[in-house]
C-alpha atoms as a PDB file:
ATOM      1  CA  MET A   1     120.818 100.150 167.644  1.00  0.00           C
ATOM      2  CA  LYS A   2     120.332  96.657 169.045  1.00  0.00           C
ATOM      3  CA  LYS A   3     116.828  95.250 169.277  1.00  0.00           C
ATOM      4  CA  VAL A   4     115.533  95.007 172.849  1.00  0.00           C
ATOM      5  CA  VAL A   5     114.687  91.509 174.107  1.00  0.00           C
ATOM      6  CA  TYR A   6     112.824  90.914 177.363  1.00  0.00           C
ATOM      7  CA  ILE A   7     113.209  87.513 179.045  1.00  0.00           C
ATOM      8  CA  PHE A   8     110.926  86.102 181.728  1.00  0.00           C
ATOM      9  CA  GLY A   9     111.270  82.688 183.361  1.00  0.00           C
ATOM     10  CA  ASP A  10     112.916  80.615 186.066  1.00  0.00           C
ATOM     11  CA  SER A  11     116.331  78.916 186.235  1.00  0.00           C
ATOM     12  CA  PHE A  12     116.041  77.804 182.603  1.00  0.00           C
ATOM     13  CA  ALA A  13     116.522  81.453 181.655  1.00  0.00           C
ATOM     14  CA  ASP A  14     118.324  82.961 184.664  1.00  0.00           C
ATOM     15  CA  ASP A  15     121.987  83.570 183.817  1.00  0.00           C
ATOM     16  CA  ARG A  16     123.055  85.478 186.934  1.00  0.00           C
ATOM     17  CA  TYR A  17     123.495  82.849 189.619  1.00  0.00           C
ATOM     18  CA  HIS A  18     122.386  79.441 190.807  1.00  0.00           C
ATOM     19  CA  HIS A  19     122.300  77.444 194.032  1.00  0.00           C
ATOM     20  CA  ASP A  20     123.653  74.119 192.772  1.00  0.00           C
ATOM     21  CA  SER A  21     126.990  73.132 194.292  1.00  0.00           C
ATOM     22  CA  GLY A  22     128.618  72.800 190.858  1.00  0.00           C
ATOM     23  CA  TYR A  23     127.804  76.372 189.910  1.00  0.00           C
ATOM     24  CA  ILE A  24     130.625  78.589 188.585  1.00  0.00           C
ATOM     25  CA  ARG A  25     129.667  82.152 187.744  1.00  0.00           C
ATOM     26  CA  GLU A  26     132.033  82.420 184.773  1.00  0.00           C
ATOM     27  CA  GLU A  27     130.367  79.447 183.117  1.00  0.00           C
ATOM     28  CA  ASN A  28     127.029  81.236 183.144  1.00  0.00           C
ATOM     29  CA  LYS A  29     128.383  83.265 180.239  1.00  0.00           C
ATOM     30  CA  LEU A  30     127.918  80.123 178.143  1.00  0.00           C
ATOM     31  CA  LEU A  31     124.163  80.012 178.741  1.00  0.00           C
ATOM     32  CA  TRP A  32     121.785  80.905 175.916  1.00  0.00           C
ATOM     33  CA  SER A  33     120.179  83.797 177.802  1.00  0.00           C
ATOM     34  CA  TYR A  34     123.559  85.415 178.498  1.00  0.00           C
ATOM     35  CA  ARG A  35     124.865  84.915 174.969  1.00  0.00           C
ATOM     36  CA  LEU A  36     121.856  86.725 173.507  1.00  0.00           C
ATOM     37  CA  ARG A  37     123.583  89.879 174.759  1.00  0.00           C
ATOM     38  CA  ASP A  38     126.063  89.549 171.922  1.00  0.00           C
ATOM     39  CA  SER A  39     123.364  90.452 169.418  1.00  0.00           C
ATOM     40  CA  TYR A  40     120.608  92.207 171.371  1.00  0.00           C
ATOM     41  CA  SER A  41     119.961  94.544 174.251  1.00  0.00           C
ATOM     42  CA  VAL A  42     118.681  92.013 176.799  1.00  0.00           C
ATOM     43  CA  ILE A  43     116.526  92.807 179.820  1.00  0.00           C
ATOM     44  CA  ASN A  44     116.470  89.510 181.693  1.00  0.00           C
ATOM     45  CA  GLN A  45     113.930  89.339 184.501  1.00  0.00           C
ATOM     46  CA  ALA A  46     114.149  85.578 184.963  1.00  0.00           C
ATOM     47  CA  ALA A  47     114.980  84.307 188.449  1.00  0.00           C
ATOM     48  CA  TRP A  48     115.633  80.726 189.501  1.00  0.00           C
ATOM     49  CA  GLY A  49     112.823  79.105 191.436  1.00  0.00           C
ATOM     50  CA  SER A  50     110.170  81.446 190.083  1.00  0.00           C
ATOM     51  CA  SER A  51     106.646  80.166 189.588  1.00  0.00           C
ATOM     52  CA  ALA A  52     104.521  80.966 186.566  1.00  0.00           C
ATOM     53  CA  LEU A  53     102.652  83.445 188.758  1.00  0.00           C
ATOM     54  CA  ARG A  54     105.831  85.363 189.609  1.00  0.00           C
ATOM     55  CA  CYS A  55     106.868  85.526 185.945  1.00  0.00           C
ATOM     56  CA  TYR A  56     103.376  86.659 184.961  1.00  0.00           C
ATOM     57  CA  SER A  57     103.507  89.357 187.650  1.00  0.00           C
ATOM     58  CA  LYS A  58     106.857  90.587 186.334  1.00  0.00           C
ATOM     59  CA  LEU A  59     105.451  90.742 182.816  1.00  0.00           C
ATOM     60  CA  LEU A  60     102.509  92.812 184.034  1.00  0.00           C
ATOM     61  CA  GLY A  61     104.898  95.079 185.938  1.00  0.00           C
ATOM     62  CA  THR A  62     107.042  95.577 182.848  1.00  0.00           C
ATOM     63  CA  ILE A  63     104.044  96.537 180.719  1.00  0.00           C
ATOM     64  CA  ASP A  64     102.734  98.865 183.416  1.00  0.00           C
ATOM     65  CA  TYR A  65     106.139 100.546 183.807  1.00  0.00           C
ATOM     66  CA  ALA A  66     106.432 101.010 180.042  1.00  0.00           C
ATOM     67  CA  LYS A  67     102.997 102.613 179.891  1.00  0.00           C
ATOM     68  CA  ASN A  68     103.780 105.034 182.720  1.00  0.00           C
ATOM     69  CA  LYS A  69     107.122 105.975 181.143  1.00  0.00           C
ATOM     70  CA  ASN A  70     105.713 106.190 177.597  1.00  0.00           C
ATOM     71  CA  ILE A  71     107.961 103.358 176.418  1.00  0.00           C
ATOM     72  CA  ASP A  72     106.716 101.716 173.230  1.00  0.00           C
ATOM     73  CA  LEU A  73     107.156  97.942 173.449  1.00  0.00           C
ATOM     74  CA  LYS A  74     105.955  97.363 169.899  1.00  0.00           C
ATOM     75  CA  ASN A  75     109.530  97.201 168.622  1.00  0.00           C
ATOM     76  CA  ASN A  76     110.648  94.850 171.398  1.00  0.00           C
ATOM     77  CA  ILE A  77     110.759  91.057 171.589  1.00  0.00           C
ATOM     78  CA  CYS A  78     109.502  88.991 174.525  1.00  0.00           C
ATOM     79  CA  ILE A  79     110.829  85.525 175.353  1.00  0.00           C
ATOM     80  CA  PHE A  80     108.607  84.031 178.054  1.00  0.00           C
ATOM     81  CA  LEU A  81     109.378  80.678 179.675  1.00  0.00           C
ATOM     82  CA  PHE A  82     106.201  79.578 181.422  1.00  0.00           C
ATOM     83  CA  GLY A  83     107.122  77.769 184.627  1.00  0.00           C
ATOM     84  CA  ALA A  84     105.471  75.668 187.293  1.00  0.00           C
ATOM     85  CA  THR A  85     101.950  76.317 188.531  1.00  0.00           C
ATOM     86  CA  GLN A  86     101.887  73.273 190.814  1.00  0.00           C
ATOM     87  CA  SER A  87     105.095  72.761 192.768  1.00  0.00           C
ATOM     88  CA  ARG A  88     105.853  76.441 193.338  1.00  0.00           C
ATOM     89  CA  ILE A  89     103.069  77.846 195.421  1.00  0.00           C
ATOM     90  CA  PRO A  90     103.239  81.415 196.766  1.00  0.00           C
ATOM     91  CA  LEU A  91     102.110  80.507 200.281  1.00  0.00           C
ATOM     92  CA  SER A  92     104.601  82.931 201.790  1.00  0.00           C
ATOM     93  CA  GLY A  93     103.724  85.788 199.501  1.00  0.00           C
ATOM     94  CA  LEU A  94     105.386  87.162 196.416  1.00  0.00           C
ATOM     95  CA  ASP A  95     108.497  88.543 198.080  1.00  0.00           C
ATOM     96  CA  GLU A  96     111.624  87.827 196.077  1.00  0.00           C
ATOM     97  CA  ASN A  97     112.586  84.124 196.064  1.00  0.00           C
ATOM     98  CA  TYR A  98     110.332  83.194 198.987  1.00  0.00           C
ATOM     99  CA  GLU A  99     107.470  81.436 197.248  1.00  0.00           C
ATOM    100  CA  PHE A 100     109.430  78.223 196.662  1.00  0.00           C
ATOM    101  CA  LEU A 101     111.306  78.172 199.988  1.00  0.00           C
ATOM    102  CA  LEU A 102     108.610  77.340 202.498  1.00  0.00           C
ATOM    103  CA  PRO A 103     110.569  75.997 205.508  1.00  0.00           C
ATOM    104  CA  GLU A 104     109.397  73.069 207.555  1.00  0.00           C
ATOM    105  CA  LEU A 105     106.693  74.060 210.049  1.00  0.00           C
ATOM    106  CA  ALA A 106     106.899  77.771 209.234  1.00  0.00           C
ATOM    107  CA  LYS A 107     103.534  79.316 210.057  1.00  0.00           C
ATOM    108  CA  ASP A 108     103.914  82.709 208.508  1.00  0.00           C
ATOM    109  CA  LYS A 109     106.221  84.852 206.428  1.00  0.00           C
ATOM    110  CA  ILE A 110     107.869  86.530 209.431  1.00  0.00           C
ATOM    111  CA  SER A 111     108.998  83.247 210.995  1.00  0.00           C
ATOM    112  CA  PHE A 112     110.164  82.121 207.577  1.00  0.00           C
ATOM    113  CA  ILE A 113     112.323  85.182 207.032  1.00  0.00           C
ATOM    114  CA  LYS A 114     113.759  84.881 210.553  1.00  0.00           C
ATOM    115  CA  ASN A 115     114.553  81.222 209.960  1.00  0.00           C
ATOM    116  CA  LEU A 116     116.139  82.008 206.622  1.00  0.00           C
ATOM    117  CA  ASP A 117     118.297  84.801 208.044  1.00  0.00           C
ATOM    118  CA  THR A 118     119.645  82.780 210.960  1.00  0.00           C
ATOM    119  CA  SER A 119     119.983  79.272 209.547  1.00  0.00           C
ATOM    120  CA  ILE A 120     121.107  79.918 206.004  1.00  0.00           C
ATOM    121  CA  LEU A 121     122.151  83.405 204.999  1.00  0.00           C
ATOM    122  CA  LYS A 122     124.776  83.721 207.740  1.00  0.00           C
ATOM    123  CA  GLN A 123     126.425  80.413 206.888  1.00  0.00           C
ATOM    124  CA  PRO A 124     129.659  80.253 204.850  1.00  0.00           C
ATOM    125  CA  GLY A 125     129.490  79.421 201.153  1.00  0.00           C
ATOM    126  CA  MET A 126     129.150  75.642 200.746  1.00  0.00           C
ATOM    127  CA  GLU A 127     127.295  75.172 204.049  1.00  0.00           C
ATOM    128  CA  LYS A 128     124.795  77.787 202.943  1.00  0.00           C
ATOM    129  CA  ILE A 129     124.293  75.939 199.665  1.00  0.00           C
ATOM    130  CA  ASN A 130     123.785  72.592 201.409  1.00  0.00           C
ATOM    131  CA  GLN A 131     121.227  73.952 203.884  1.00  0.00           C
ATOM    132  CA  PHE A 132     119.485  75.843 201.124  1.00  0.00           C
ATOM    133  CA  SER A 133     119.095  72.641 199.109  1.00  0.00           C
ATOM    134  CA  GLN A 134     117.740  70.753 202.131  1.00  0.00           C
ATOM    135  CA  MET A 135     115.091  73.403 202.709  1.00  0.00           C
ATOM    136  CA  HIS A 136     114.215  73.301 199.020  1.00  0.00           C
ATOM    137  CA  ASP A 137     113.733  69.516 199.257  1.00  0.00           C
ATOM    138  CA  LYS A 138     111.509  69.828 202.322  1.00  0.00           C
ATOM    139  CA  TYR A 139     109.345  72.314 200.511  1.00  0.00           C
ATOM    140  CA  HIS A 140     108.891  70.018 197.538  1.00  0.00           C
ATOM    141  CA  LYS A 141     107.821  67.150 199.804  1.00  0.00           C
ATOM    142  CA  PHE A 142     105.139  69.425 201.198  1.00  0.00           C
ATOM    143  CA  ALA A 143     104.227  70.652 197.730  1.00  0.00           C
ATOM    144  CA  GLN A 144     103.787  67.101 196.463  1.00  0.00           C
ATOM    145  CA  LYS A 145     101.178  66.409 199.148  1.00  0.00           C
ATOM    146  CA  TYR A 146      99.476  69.679 198.294  1.00  0.00           C
ATOM    147  CA  ILE A 147      99.493  68.729 194.629  1.00  0.00           C
ATOM    148  CA  ASP A 148      98.101  65.255 195.235  1.00  0.00           C
ATOM    149  CA  GLU A 149      95.208  66.490 197.369  1.00  0.00           C
ATOM    150  CA  ILE A 150      94.337  69.835 195.825  1.00  0.00           C
ATOM    151  CA  MET A 151      96.035  70.768 192.585  1.00  0.00           C
ATOM    152  CA  PHE A 152      95.043  67.841 190.381  1.00  0.00           C
ATOM    153  CA  ASN A 153      91.474  68.915 189.895  1.00  0.00           C
ATOM    154  CA  PRO A 154      89.516  70.753 187.166  1.00  0.00           C
ATOM    155  CA  ILE A 155      89.731  74.085 188.966  1.00  0.00           C
ATOM    156  CA  HIS A 156      93.523  74.038 188.903  1.00  0.00           C
ATOM    157  CA  ALA A 157      93.509  73.029 185.246  1.00  0.00           C
ATOM    158  CA  TYR A 158      91.643  76.202 184.380  1.00  0.00           C
ATOM    159  CA  TYR A 159      93.864  78.247 186.690  1.00  0.00           C
ATOM    160  CA  GLY A 160      96.940  77.187 184.716  1.00  0.00           C
ATOM    161  CA  LEU A 161      95.163  77.632 181.398  1.00  0.00           C
ATOM    162  CA  SER A 162      93.899  81.081 182.341  1.00  0.00           C
ATOM    163  CA  MET A 163      97.333  82.319 183.336  1.00  0.00           C
ATOM    164  CA  PHE A 164      98.984  80.844 180.239  1.00  0.00           C
ATOM    165  CA  HIS A 165      96.344  82.384 178.000  1.00  0.00           C
ATOM    166  CA  SER A 166      96.714  85.747 179.759  1.00  0.00           C
ATOM    167  CA  VAL A 167     100.452  85.704 179.075  1.00  0.00           C
ATOM    168  CA  ALA A 168      99.776  84.945 175.416  1.00  0.00           C
ATOM    169  CA  LEU A 169      97.284  87.798 175.147  1.00  0.00           C
ATOM    170  CA  LEU A 170      99.764  90.236 176.710  1.00  0.00           C
ATOM    171  CA  GLY A 171     102.216  89.256 173.991  1.00  0.00           C
ATOM    172  CA  SER A 172     100.242  91.514 171.670  1.00  0.00           C
ATOM    173  CA  VAL A 173     101.908  94.605 173.196  1.00  0.00           C
ATOM    174  CA  PHE A 174     105.303  93.442 171.848  1.00  0.00           C
ATOM    175  CA  GLU A 175     106.512  93.121 168.291  1.00  0.00           C
ATOM    176  CA  LYS A 176     106.303  89.395 168.924  1.00  0.00           C
ATOM    177  CA  MET A 177     106.445  86.921 171.781  1.00  0.00           C
ATOM    178  CA  LEU A 178     107.962  83.459 171.932  1.00  0.00           C
ATOM    179  CA  LEU A 179     106.149  81.489 174.624  1.00  0.00           C
ATOM    180  CA  ILE A 180     107.977  78.338 175.749  1.00  0.00           C
ATOM    181  CA  PRO A 181     106.323  76.030 178.302  1.00  0.00           C
ATOM    182  CA  ILE A 182     108.806  74.565 180.771  1.00  0.00           C
ATOM    183  CA  PHE A 183     106.871  71.633 182.200  1.00  0.00           C
ATOM    184  CA  ASN A 184     104.444  69.103 180.777  1.00  0.00           C
ATOM    185  CA  GLU A 185     101.799  69.766 183.394  1.00  0.00           C
ATOM    186  CA  PRO A 186      98.531  67.866 182.822  1.00  0.00           C
ATOM    187  CA  TRP A 187      96.428  70.972 182.254  1.00  0.00           C
ATOM    188  CA  TYR A 188      98.791  72.015 179.450  1.00  0.00           C
ATOM    189  CA  THR A 189      99.049  68.705 177.641  1.00  0.00           C
ATOM    190  CA  GLU A 190      95.327  67.981 177.901  1.00  0.00           C
ATOM    191  CA  LYS A 191      93.788  71.425 177.379  1.00  0.00           C
ATOM    192  CA  LYS A 192      96.243  73.253 175.123  1.00  0.00           C
ATOM    193  CA  TYR A 193      93.691  73.435 172.321  1.00  0.00           C
ATOM    194  CA  LEU A 194      91.769  75.978 174.423  1.00  0.00           C
ATOM    195  CA  ILE A 195      94.814  78.274 174.404  1.00  0.00           C
ATOM    196  CA  ASP A 196      95.323  78.058 170.660  1.00  0.00           C
ATOM    197  CA  ILE A 197      91.844  79.403 169.920  1.00  0.00           C
ATOM    198  CA  HIS A 198      92.547  83.059 170.695  1.00  0.00           C
ATOM    199  CA  THR A 199      96.343  83.327 170.697  1.00  0.00           C
ATOM    200  CA  PRO A 200      97.411  86.597 168.971  1.00  0.00           C
ATOM    201  CA  ASN A 201      99.068  86.216 165.572  1.00  0.00           C
ATOM    202  CA  ASN A 202     102.339  87.697 166.833  1.00  0.00           C
ATOM    203  CA  VAL A 203     102.642  85.093 169.615  1.00  0.00           C
ATOM    204  CA  THR A 204     104.329  81.754 168.960  1.00  0.00           C
ATOM    205  CA  ILE A 205     103.896  78.848 171.365  1.00  0.00           C
ATOM    206  CA  THR A 206     106.561  76.200 170.857  1.00  0.00           C
ATOM    207  CA  ASP A 207     105.605  72.593 170.167  1.00  0.00           C
ATOM    208  CA  PHE A 208     108.146  71.463 172.756  1.00  0.00           C
ATOM    209  CA  THR A 209     108.733  72.139 176.443  1.00  0.00           C
ATOM    210  CA  MET A 210     112.061  72.718 178.132  1.00  0.00           C
ATOM    211  CA  MET A 211     111.563  69.448 180.020  1.00  0.00           C
ATOM    212  CA  ASP A 212     111.302  67.639 176.681  1.00  0.00           C
ATOM    213  CA  ILE A 213     114.875  68.766 176.092  1.00  0.00           C
ATOM    214  CA  VAL A 214     116.082  67.967 179.614  1.00  0.00           C
ATOM    215  CA  THR A 215     114.771  64.409 179.601  1.00  0.00           C
ATOM    216  CA  SER A 216     116.701  63.671 176.420  1.00  0.00           C
ATOM    217  CA  GLN A 217     120.025  64.861 177.852  1.00  0.00           C
ATOM    218  CA  PRO A 218     122.896  62.937 179.442  1.00  0.00           C
ATOM    219  CA  ASP A 219     122.914  63.252 183.197  1.00  0.00           C
ATOM    220  CA  ALA A 220     126.256  61.792 184.232  1.00  0.00           C
ATOM    221  CA  PRO A 221     128.228  63.874 186.774  1.00  0.00           C
ATOM    222  CA  GLY A 222     131.591  64.840 185.350  1.00  0.00           C
ATOM    223  CA  ASP A 223     130.425  64.698 181.750  1.00  0.00           C
ATOM    224  CA  LYS A 224     131.104  68.151 180.294  1.00  0.00           C
ATOM    225  CA  HIS A 225     127.925  67.791 178.269  1.00  0.00           C
ATOM    226  CA  SER A 226     125.816  66.902 181.303  1.00  0.00           C
ATOM    227  CA  ARG A 227     123.068  69.298 182.355  1.00  0.00           C
ATOM    228  CA  LYS A 228     124.517  69.134 185.884  1.00  0.00           C
ATOM    229  CA  GLN A 229     127.459  71.179 184.655  1.00  0.00           C
ATOM    230  CA  THR A 230     125.297  74.209 183.823  1.00  0.00           C
ATOM    231  CA  ALA A 231     123.097  76.482 185.913  1.00  0.00           C
ATOM    232  CA  ASN A 232     120.082  76.325 183.585  1.00  0.00           C
ATOM    233  CA  HIS A 233     119.778  72.505 183.410  1.00  0.00           C
ATOM    234  CA  LEU A 234     120.671  72.370 179.719  1.00  0.00           C
ATOM    235  CA  THR A 235     123.837  70.912 178.262  1.00  0.00           C
ATOM    236  CA  LEU A 236     126.200  73.297 176.510  1.00  0.00           C
ATOM    237  CA  ASP A 237     125.128  71.770 173.194  1.00  0.00           C
ATOM    238  CA  ASN A 238     121.469  72.425 173.934  1.00  0.00           C
ATOM    239  CA  ASN A 239     122.242  75.949 175.117  1.00  0.00           C
ATOM    240  CA  GLN A 240     123.708  76.496 171.674  1.00  0.00           C
ATOM    241  CA  ARG A 241     120.624  75.003 169.999  1.00  0.00           C
ATOM    242  CA  ILE A 242     118.223  77.157 171.995  1.00  0.00           C
ATOM    243  CA  LEU A 243     120.338  80.225 171.222  1.00  0.00           C
ATOM    244  CA  GLU A 244     120.185  79.461 167.488  1.00  0.00           C
ATOM    245  CA  LEU A 245     116.429  78.815 167.586  1.00  0.00           C
ATOM    246  CA  ILE A 246     115.689  82.084 169.372  1.00  0.00           C
ATOM    247  CA  THR A 247     118.053  84.092 167.191  1.00  0.00           C
ATOM    248  CA  SER A 248     116.458  82.670 164.034  1.00  0.00           C
ATOM    249  CA  TYR A 249     113.026  83.492 165.443  1.00  0.00           C
ATOM    250  CA  ILE A 250     113.977  87.087 166.237  1.00  0.00           C
ATOM    251  CA  ASP A 251     115.913  87.839 163.051  1.00  0.00           C
ATOM    252  CA  ASP A 252     114.237  85.680 160.423  1.00  0.00           C
ATOM    253  CA  ASN A 253     110.872  84.785 161.975  1.00  0.00           C
ATOM    254  CA  ILE A 254     111.663  81.077 161.749  1.00  0.00           C
ATOM    255  CA  ILE A 255     109.288  79.284 164.095  1.00  0.00           C
ATOM    256  CA  PRO A 256     111.169  77.154 166.669  1.00  0.00           C
ATOM    257  CA  SER A 257     110.193  73.518 166.405  1.00  0.00           C
ATOM    258  CA  LYS A 258     111.217  70.281 168.073  1.00  0.00           C
ATOM    259  CA  ASN A 259     112.255  69.122 164.611  1.00  0.00           C
ATOM    260  CA  LEU A 260     114.961  71.806 164.646  1.00  0.00           C
ATOM    261  CA  LEU A 261     116.429  70.748 167.995  1.00  0.00           C
END
């Protein structure tokens, strides 16, 4: 029987679809999270655009469901990619894929959903993608202002730390958890030592972030090794490297390290 592997995260781990114009569904089968299915029984709950809060909520829901159904997670593996706490803000609630899509001047969730239904979802393929991307950009402009004025303060630092530490603590219900930060947010780079103090022994936090990998990649359109040719932002070569690191961690307990990338 194959070992069960749970995956939580955003587009770095989502292998089902993507909104970029260069996306081809068949090519998603080359992504590390999809290829894990060759060796394990994968339950992938990652979804592109998800914030750390959404991923954390899904982890809590998974543990709660397992408890109610008497499912023992102690023989299962958890791969958790910890995403953004700053630029993805759940102002429109935690409904699926809405937290990162705040439209311009939307005052509440109802007007947002109405706007989304009429201006985007009913459009044909490429037009839908283009409008979707424009709305995404508008949101991030708003989020940047929010970040500048509110999020870069000590309170937010402890908010990010608390959530990250909570994820690590919940890793104790699994056989083991690999916790991979996605972004180099200030609270993580400056306060990580606070997380390390009480991290369970079966939880491994990588010494690299996914953005460390991205920033070292080629980014030329048309280059088959460019991250723009894949839905999870990683080149095909780096998808292979991540796959090997995770497989070695699951099977042989080899700790993933930036030296192995």
